[in-house]
Amino acid sequence: MTDLEDALTRIDRLEATVADQDRTIEEMNAAIVDQWKRIEALTRRITLLADQLVEVESRSSLRGAPEPPPPHW
């Protein structure tokens, strides 16, 4: 092989490597976007549940009363 053929072979390998890395980066980006959407949805749900819990506690007539011990005590 000549130096030019060696250089062309190396360039072809580098181009293939870059193409593979680009594909991998796009796949990872899509996974991160999906995970971020799930995190946002879970955060909204936790906020909603926390608000509901506060509302239920504020309506409770036993608010501030000590919790009775479990039956095995």
PDB file of N, CA and C in Angstrom:
ATOM      1  N   MET A   1       0.833  -1.174   0.000  1.00  0.00           N
ATOM      2  CA  MET A   1       0.000   0.000   0.000  1.00  0.00           C
ATOM      3  C   MET A   1       0.884   1.246   0.000  1.00  0.00           C
ATOM      4  N   THR A   2       0.400   2.226  -0.690  1.00  0.00           N
ATOM      5  CA  THR A   2       1.153   3.476  -0.726  1.00  0.00           C
ATOM      6  C   THR A   2       0.717   4.355   0.429  1.00  0.00           C
ATOM      7  N   ASP A   3       1.461   5.419   0.617  1.00  0.00           N
ATOM      8  CA  ASP A   3       1.106   6.362   1.684  1.00  0.00           C
ATOM      9  C   ASP A   3      -0.275   6.963   1.445  1.00  0.00           C
ATOM     10  N   LEU A   4      -0.606   7.226   0.178  1.00  0.00           N
ATOM     11  CA  LEU A   4      -1.916   7.799  -0.143  1.00  0.00           C
ATOM     12  C   LEU A   4      -3.030   6.801   0.172  1.00  0.00           C
ATOM     13  N   GLU A   5      -2.826   5.547  -0.156  1.00  0.00           N
ATOM     14  CA  GLU A   5      -3.826   4.523   0.149  1.00  0.00           C
ATOM     15  C   GLU A   5      -3.994   4.366   1.659  1.00  0.00           C
ATOM     16  N   ASP A   6      -2.890   4.402   2.387  1.00  0.00           N
ATOM     17  CA  ASP A   6      -2.951   4.328   3.848  1.00  0.00           C
ATOM     18  C   ASP A   6      -3.742   5.505   4.418  1.00  0.00           C
ATOM     19  N   ALA A   7      -3.470   6.682   3.905  1.00  0.00           N
ATOM     20  CA  ALA A   7      -4.162   7.879   4.379  1.00  0.00           C
ATOM     21  C   ALA A   7      -5.654   7.787   4.076  1.00  0.00           C
ATOM     22  N   LEU A   8      -6.010   7.328   2.892  1.00  0.00           N
ATOM     23  CA  LEU A   8      -7.426   7.195   2.526  1.00  0.00           C
ATOM     24  C   LEU A   8      -8.127   6.156   3.392  1.00  0.00           C
ATOM     25  N   THR A   9      -7.436   5.072   3.678  1.00  0.00           N
ATOM     26  CA  THR A   9      -8.000   4.041   4.556  1.00  0.00           C
ATOM     27  C   THR A   9      -8.238   4.598   5.955  1.00  0.00           C
ATOM     28  N   ARG A  10      -7.274   5.341   6.460  1.00  0.00           N
ATOM     29  CA  ARG A  10      -7.421   5.946   7.792  1.00  0.00           C
ATOM     30  C   ARG A  10      -8.565   6.955   7.806  1.00  0.00           C
ATOM     31  N   ILE A  11      -8.679   7.740   6.742  1.00  0.00           N
ATOM     32  CA  ILE A  11      -9.770   8.720   6.663  1.00  0.00           C
ATOM     33  C   ILE A  11     -11.120   8.004   6.637  1.00  0.00           C
ATOM     34  N   ASP A  12     -11.214   6.923   5.865  1.00  0.00           N
ATOM     35  CA  ASP A  12     -12.466   6.153   5.821  1.00  0.00           C
ATOM     36  C   ASP A  12     -12.833   5.623   7.205  1.00  0.00           C
ATOM     37  N   ARG A  13     -11.848   5.094   7.914  1.00  0.00           N
ATOM     38  CA  ARG A  13     -12.100   4.587   9.271  1.00  0.00           C
ATOM     39  C   ARG A  13     -12.542   5.712  10.204  1.00  0.00           C
ATOM     40  N   LEU A  14     -11.889   6.857  10.117  1.00  0.00           N
ATOM     41  CA  LEU A  14     -12.258   8.000  10.956  1.00  0.00           C
ATOM     42  C   LEU A  14     -13.674   8.477  10.650  1.00  0.00           C
ATOM     43  N   GLU A  15     -14.029   8.525   9.370  1.00  0.00           N
ATOM     44  CA  GLU A  15     -15.381   8.936   8.997  1.00  0.00           C
ATOM     45  C   GLU A  15     -16.420   7.955   9.531  1.00  0.00           C
ATOM     46  N   ALA A  16     -16.122   6.677   9.474  1.00  0.00           N
ATOM     47  CA  ALA A  16     -17.042   5.668  10.002  1.00  0.00           C
ATOM     48  C   ALA A  16     -17.183   5.815  11.513  1.00  0.00           C
ATOM     49  N   THR A  17     -16.061   6.076  12.180  1.00  0.00           N
ATOM     50  CA  THR A  17     -16.085   6.262  13.630  1.00  0.00           C
ATOM     51  C   THR A  17     -16.916   7.487  14.001  1.00  0.00           C
ATOM     52  N   VAL A  18     -16.723   8.580  13.296  1.00  0.00           N
ATOM     53  CA  VAL A  18     -17.479   9.811  13.573  1.00  0.00           C
ATOM     54  C   VAL A  18     -18.968   9.586  13.326  1.00  0.00           C
ATOM     55  N   ALA A  19     -19.312   8.895  12.253  1.00  0.00           N
ATOM     56  CA  ALA A  19     -20.719   8.609  11.960  1.00  0.00           C
ATOM     57  C   ALA A  19     -21.339   7.766  13.078  1.00  0.00           C
ATOM     58  N   ASP A  20     -20.601   6.776  13.563  1.00  0.00           N
ATOM     59  CA  ASP A  20     -21.084   5.930  14.652  1.00  0.00           C
ATOM     60  C   ASP A  20     -21.257   6.746  15.936  1.00  0.00           C
ATOM     61  N   GLN A  21     -20.314   7.620  16.212  1.00  0.00           N
ATOM     62  CA  GLN A  21     -20.407   8.460  17.407  1.00  0.00           C
ATOM     63  C   GLN A  21     -21.582   9.436  17.294  1.00  0.00           C
ATOM     64  N   ASP A  22     -21.818   9.991  16.112  1.00  0.00           N
ATOM     65  CA  ASP A  22     -22.965  10.880  15.916  1.00  0.00           C
ATOM     66  C   ASP A  22     -24.276  10.149  16.199  1.00  0.00           C
ATOM     67  N   ARG A  23     -24.383   8.916  15.706  1.00  0.00           N
ATOM     68  CA  ARG A  23     -25.592   8.131  15.943  1.00  0.00           C
ATOM     69  C   ARG A  23     -25.770   7.852  17.433  1.00  0.00           C
ATOM     70  N   THR A  24     -24.688   7.500  18.088  1.00  0.00           N
ATOM     71  CA  THR A  24     -24.744   7.219  19.524  1.00  0.00           C
ATOM     72  C   THR A  24     -25.156   8.463  20.305  1.00  0.00           C
ATOM     73  N   ILE A  25     -24.612   9.598  19.946  1.00  0.00           N
ATOM     74  CA  ILE A  25     -24.957  10.850  20.625  1.00  0.00           C
ATOM     75  C   ILE A  25     -26.434  11.171  20.437  1.00  0.00           C
ATOM     76  N   GLU A  26     -26.953  10.976  19.239  1.00  0.00           N
ATOM     77  CA  GLU A  26     -28.377  11.227  18.988  1.00  0.00           C
ATOM     78  C   GLU A  26     -29.259  10.289  19.809  1.00  0.00           C
ATOM     79  N   GLU A  27     -28.872   9.025  19.910  1.00  0.00           N
ATOM     80  CA  GLU A  27     -29.630   8.069  20.722  1.00  0.00           C
ATOM     81  C   GLU A  27     -29.607   8.458  22.196  1.00  0.00           C
ATOM     82  N   MET A  28     -28.446   8.864  22.678  1.00  0.00           N
ATOM     83  CA  MET A  28     -28.329   9.272  24.082  1.00  0.00           C
ATOM     84  C   MET A  28     -29.137  10.538  24.337  1.00  0.00           C
ATOM     85  N   ASN A  29     -29.125  11.461  23.405  1.00  0.00           N
ATOM     86  CA  ASN A  29     -29.892  12.690  23.546  1.00  0.00           C
ATOM     87  C   ASN A  29     -31.383  12.380  23.620  1.00  0.00           C
ATOM     88  N   ALA A  30     -31.856  11.477  22.768  1.00  0.00           N
ATOM     89  CA  ALA A  30     -33.264  11.099  22.794  1.00  0.00           C
ATOM     90  C   ALA A  30     -33.632  10.459  24.135  1.00  0.00           C
ATOM     91  N   ALA A  31     -32.750   9.635  24.666  1.00  0.00           N
ATOM     92  CA  ALA A  31     -33.005   9.003  25.967  1.00  0.00           C
ATOM     93  C   ALA A  31     -33.061  10.053  27.078  1.00  0.00           C
ATOM     94  N   ILE A  32     -32.174  11.028  27.025  1.00  0.00           N
ATOM     95  CA  ILE A  32     -32.155  12.076  28.049  1.00  0.00           C
ATOM     96  C   ILE A  32     -33.418  12.921  27.973  1.00  0.00           C
ATOM     97  N   VAL A  33     -33.844  13.263  26.760  1.00  0.00           N
ATOM     98  CA  VAL A  33     -35.076  14.047  26.593  1.00  0.00           C
ATOM     99  C   VAL A  33     -36.262  13.275  27.158  1.00  0.00           C
ATOM    100  N   ASP A  34     -36.339  11.976  26.879  1.00  0.00           N
ATOM    101  CA  ASP A  34     -37.425  11.153  27.399  1.00  0.00           C
ATOM    102  C   ASP A  34     -37.396  11.097  28.924  1.00  0.00           C
ATOM    103  N   GLN A  35     -36.213  10.914  29.483  1.00  0.00           N
ATOM    104  CA  GLN A  35     -36.091  10.874  30.942  1.00  0.00           C
ATOM    105  C   GLN A  35     -36.484  12.215  31.557  1.00  0.00           C
ATOM    106  N   TRP A  36     -36.106  13.308  30.921  1.00  0.00           N
ATOM    107  CA  TRP A  36     -36.443  14.631  31.461  1.00  0.00           C
ATOM    108  C   TRP A  36     -37.951  14.840  31.462  1.00  0.00           C
ATOM    109  N   LYS A  37     -38.622  14.384  30.389  1.00  0.00           N
ATOM    110  CA  LYS A  37     -40.085  14.500  30.340  1.00  0.00           C
ATOM    111  C   LYS A  37     -40.717  13.701  31.472  1.00  0.00           C
ATOM    112  N   ARG A  38     -40.185  12.505  31.722  1.00  0.00           N
ATOM    113  CA  ARG A  38     -40.719  11.682  32.815  1.00  0.00           C
ATOM    114  C   ARG A  38     -40.476  12.341  34.176  1.00  0.00           C
ATOM    115  N   ILE A  39     -39.308  12.917  34.355  1.00  0.00           N
ATOM    116  CA  ILE A  39     -38.995  13.592  35.618  1.00  0.00           C
ATOM    117  C   ILE A  39     -39.950  14.764  35.835  1.00  0.00           C
ATOM    118  N   GLU A  40     -40.202  15.534  34.785  1.00  0.00           N
ATOM    119  CA  GLU A  40     -41.123  16.665  34.912  1.00  0.00           C
ATOM    120  C   GLU A  40     -42.530  16.188  35.256  1.00  0.00           C
ATOM    121  N   ALA A  41     -42.991  15.117  34.615  1.00  0.00           N
ATOM    122  CA  ALA A  41     -44.323  14.586  34.903  1.00  0.00           C
ATOM    123  C   ALA A  41     -44.404  14.081  36.347  1.00  0.00           C
ATOM    124  N   LEU A  42     -43.376  13.392  36.801  1.00  0.00           N
ATOM    125  CA  LEU A  42     -43.360  12.899  38.187  1.00  0.00           C
ATOM    126  C   LEU A  42     -43.296  14.047  39.186  1.00  0.00           C
ATOM    127  N   THR A  43     -42.552  15.079  38.858  1.00  0.00           N
ATOM    128  CA  THR A  43     -42.477  16.247  39.740  1.00  0.00           C
ATOM    129  C   THR A  43     -43.844  16.913  39.864  1.00  0.00           C
ATOM    130  N   ARG A  44     -44.541  17.061  38.734  1.00  0.00           N
ATOM    131  CA  ARG A  44     -45.890  17.642  38.785  1.00  0.00           C
ATOM    132  C   ARG A  44     -46.821  16.771  39.624  1.00  0.00           C
ATOM    133  N   ARG A  45     -46.706  15.462  39.471  1.00  0.00           N
ATOM    134  CA  ARG A  45     -47.575  14.555  40.228  1.00  0.00           C
ATOM    135  C   ARG A  45     -47.281  14.627  41.731  1.00  0.00           C
ATOM    136  N   ILE A  46     -46.016  14.676  42.092  1.00  0.00           N
ATOM    137  CA  ILE A  46     -45.650  14.786  43.508  1.00  0.00           C
ATOM    138  C   ILE A  46     -46.184  16.090  44.089  1.00  0.00           C
ATOM    139  N   THR A  47     -46.070  17.172  43.332  1.00  0.00           N
ATOM    140  CA  THR A  47     -46.593  18.463  43.792  1.00  0.00           C
ATOM    141  C   THR A  47     -48.096  18.379  44.009  1.00  0.00           C
ATOM    142  N   LEU A  48     -48.810  17.762  43.067  1.00  0.00           N
ATOM    143  CA  LEU A  48     -50.252  17.600  43.195  1.00  0.00           C
ATOM    144  C   LEU A  48     -50.600  16.761  44.422  1.00  0.00           C
ATOM    145  N   LEU A  49     -49.899  15.661  44.622  1.00  0.00           N
ATOM    146  CA  LEU A  49     -50.167  14.808  45.783  1.00  0.00           C
ATOM    147  C   LEU A  49     -49.852  15.523  47.097  1.00  0.00           C
ATOM    148  N   ALA A  50     -48.781  16.300  47.113  1.00  0.00           N
ATOM    149  CA  ALA A  50     -48.437  17.047  48.325  1.00  0.00           C
ATOM    150  C   ALA A  50     -49.521  18.070  48.627  1.00  0.00           C
ATOM    151  N   ASP A  51     -50.023  18.747  47.587  1.00  0.00           N
ATOM    152  CA  ASP A  51     -51.102  19.717  47.783  1.00  0.00           C
ATOM    153  C   ASP A  51     -52.361  19.034  48.306  1.00  0.00           C
ATOM    154  N   GLN A  52     -52.672  17.857  47.754  1.00  0.00           N
ATOM    155  CA  GLN A  52     -53.847  17.120  48.226  1.00  0.00           C
ATOM    156  C   GLN A  52     -53.673  16.687  49.675  1.00  0.00           C
ATOM    157  N   LEU A  53     -52.490  16.265  50.044  1.00  0.00           N
ATOM    158  CA  LEU A  53     -52.229  15.853  51.419  1.00  0.00           C
ATOM    159  C   LEU A  53     -52.407  17.021  52.385  1.00  0.00           C
ATOM    160  N   VAL A  54     -51.895  18.176  52.013  1.00  0.00           N
ATOM    161  CA  VAL A  54     -52.057  19.365  52.854  1.00  0.00           C
ATOM    162  C   VAL A  54     -53.537  19.700  53.010  1.00  0.00           C
ATOM    163  N   GLU A  55     -54.282  19.582  51.910  1.00  0.00           N
ATOM    164  CA  GLU A  55     -55.717  19.877  51.969  1.00  0.00           C
ATOM    165  C   GLU A  55     -56.448  18.895  52.871  1.00  0.00           C
ATOM    166  N   VAL A  56     -56.133  17.610  52.760  1.00  0.00           N
ATOM    167  CA  VAL A  56     -56.776  16.600  53.606  1.00  0.00           C
ATOM    168  C   VAL A  56     -56.414  16.827  55.069  1.00  0.00           C
ATOM    169  N   GLU A  57     -55.158  17.130  55.335  1.00  0.00           N
ATOM    170  CA  GLU A  57     -54.737  17.377  56.722  1.00  0.00           C
ATOM    171  C   GLU A  57     -55.417  18.616  57.293  1.00  0.00           C
ATOM    172  N   SER A  58     -55.621  19.623  56.476  1.00  0.00           N
ATOM    173  CA  SER A  58     -56.249  20.844  56.986  1.00  0.00           C
ATOM    174  C   SER A  58     -57.728  20.628  57.273  1.00  0.00           C
ATOM    175  N   ARG A  59     -58.363  19.686  56.588  1.00  0.00           N
ATOM    176  CA  ARG A  59     -59.784  19.390  56.835  1.00  0.00           C
ATOM    177  C   ARG A  59     -59.987  18.407  57.972  1.00  0.00           C
ATOM    178  N   SER A  60     -58.954  17.735  58.383  1.00  0.00           N
ATOM    179  CA  SER A  60     -59.076  16.684  59.379  1.00  0.00           C
ATOM    180  C   SER A  60     -59.468  17.267  60.727  1.00  0.00           C
ATOM    181  N   SER A  61     -60.451  16.645  61.361  1.00  0.00           N
ATOM    182  CA  SER A  61     -60.881  17.099  62.681  1.00  0.00           C
ATOM    183  C   SER A  61     -59.905  16.649  63.760  1.00  0.00           C
ATOM    184  N   LEU A  62     -59.060  15.684  63.450  1.00  0.00           N
ATOM    185  CA  LEU A  62     -58.101  15.172  64.422  1.00  0.00           C
ATOM    186  C   LEU A  62     -56.737  15.834  64.258  1.00  0.00           C
ATOM    187  N   ARG A  63     -56.695  16.927  63.554  1.00  0.00           N
ATOM    188  CA  ARG A  63     -55.424  17.591  63.295  1.00  0.00           C
ATOM    189  C   ARG A  63     -54.740  17.961  64.608  1.00  0.00           C
ATOM    190  N   GLY A  64     -53.539  17.546  64.749  1.00  0.00           N
ATOM    191  CA  GLY A  64     -52.777  17.844  65.944  1.00  0.00           C
ATOM    192  C   GLY A  64     -52.962  16.832  67.055  1.00  0.00           C
ATOM    193  N   ALA A  65     -53.941  15.962  66.938  1.00  0.00           N
ATOM    194  CA  ALA A  65     -54.166  14.945  67.961  1.00  0.00           C
ATOM    195  C   ALA A  65     -53.118  13.837  67.813  1.00  0.00           C
ATOM    196  N   PRO A  66     -52.679  13.289  68.924  1.00  0.00           N
ATOM    197  CA  PRO A  66     -51.674  12.217  68.826  1.00  0.00           C
ATOM    198  C   PRO A  66     -52.265  10.978  68.153  1.00  0.00           C
ATOM    199  N   GLU A  67     -51.451  10.300  67.423  1.00  0.00           N
ATOM    200  CA  GLU A  67     -51.886   9.083  66.753  1.00  0.00           C
ATOM    201  C   GLU A  67     -51.963   7.961  67.785  1.00  0.00           C
ATOM    202  N   PRO A  68     -53.047   7.187  67.741  1.00  0.00           N
ATOM    203  CA  PRO A  68     -53.153   6.101  68.727  1.00  0.00           C
ATOM    204  C   PRO A  68     -52.090   5.030  68.454  1.00  0.00           C
ATOM    205  N   PRO A  69     -51.674   4.342  69.515  1.00  0.00           N
ATOM    206  CA  PRO A  69     -50.664   3.294  69.331  1.00  0.00           C
ATOM    207  C   PRO A  69     -51.245   2.132  68.526  1.00  0.00           C
ATOM    208  N   PRO A  70     -50.387   1.373  67.887  1.00  0.00           N
ATOM    209  CA  PRO A  70     -50.861   0.210  67.134  1.00  0.00           C
ATOM    210  C   PRO A  70     -51.523  -0.804  68.058  1.00  0.00           C
ATOM    211  N   PRO A  71     -52.361  -1.684  67.512  1.00  0.00           N
ATOM    212  CA  PRO A  71     -53.127  -2.630  68.357  1.00  0.00           C
ATOM    213  C   PRO A  71     -52.255  -3.605  69.152  1.00  0.00           C
ATOM    214  N   HIS A  72     -51.062  -3.863  68.754  1.00  0.00           N
ATOM    215  CA  HIS A  72     -50.239  -4.841  69.472  1.00  0.00           C
ATOM    216  C   HIS A  72     -49.577  -4.248  70.718  1.00  0.00           C
ATOM    217  N   TRP A  73     -49.802  -2.998  71.019  1.00  0.00           N
ATOM    218  CA  TRP A  73     -49.178  -2.370  72.200  1.00  0.00           C
ATOM    219  C   TRP A  73     -49.972  -2.626  73.407  1.00  0.00           C
TER     220      TRP A  73
END
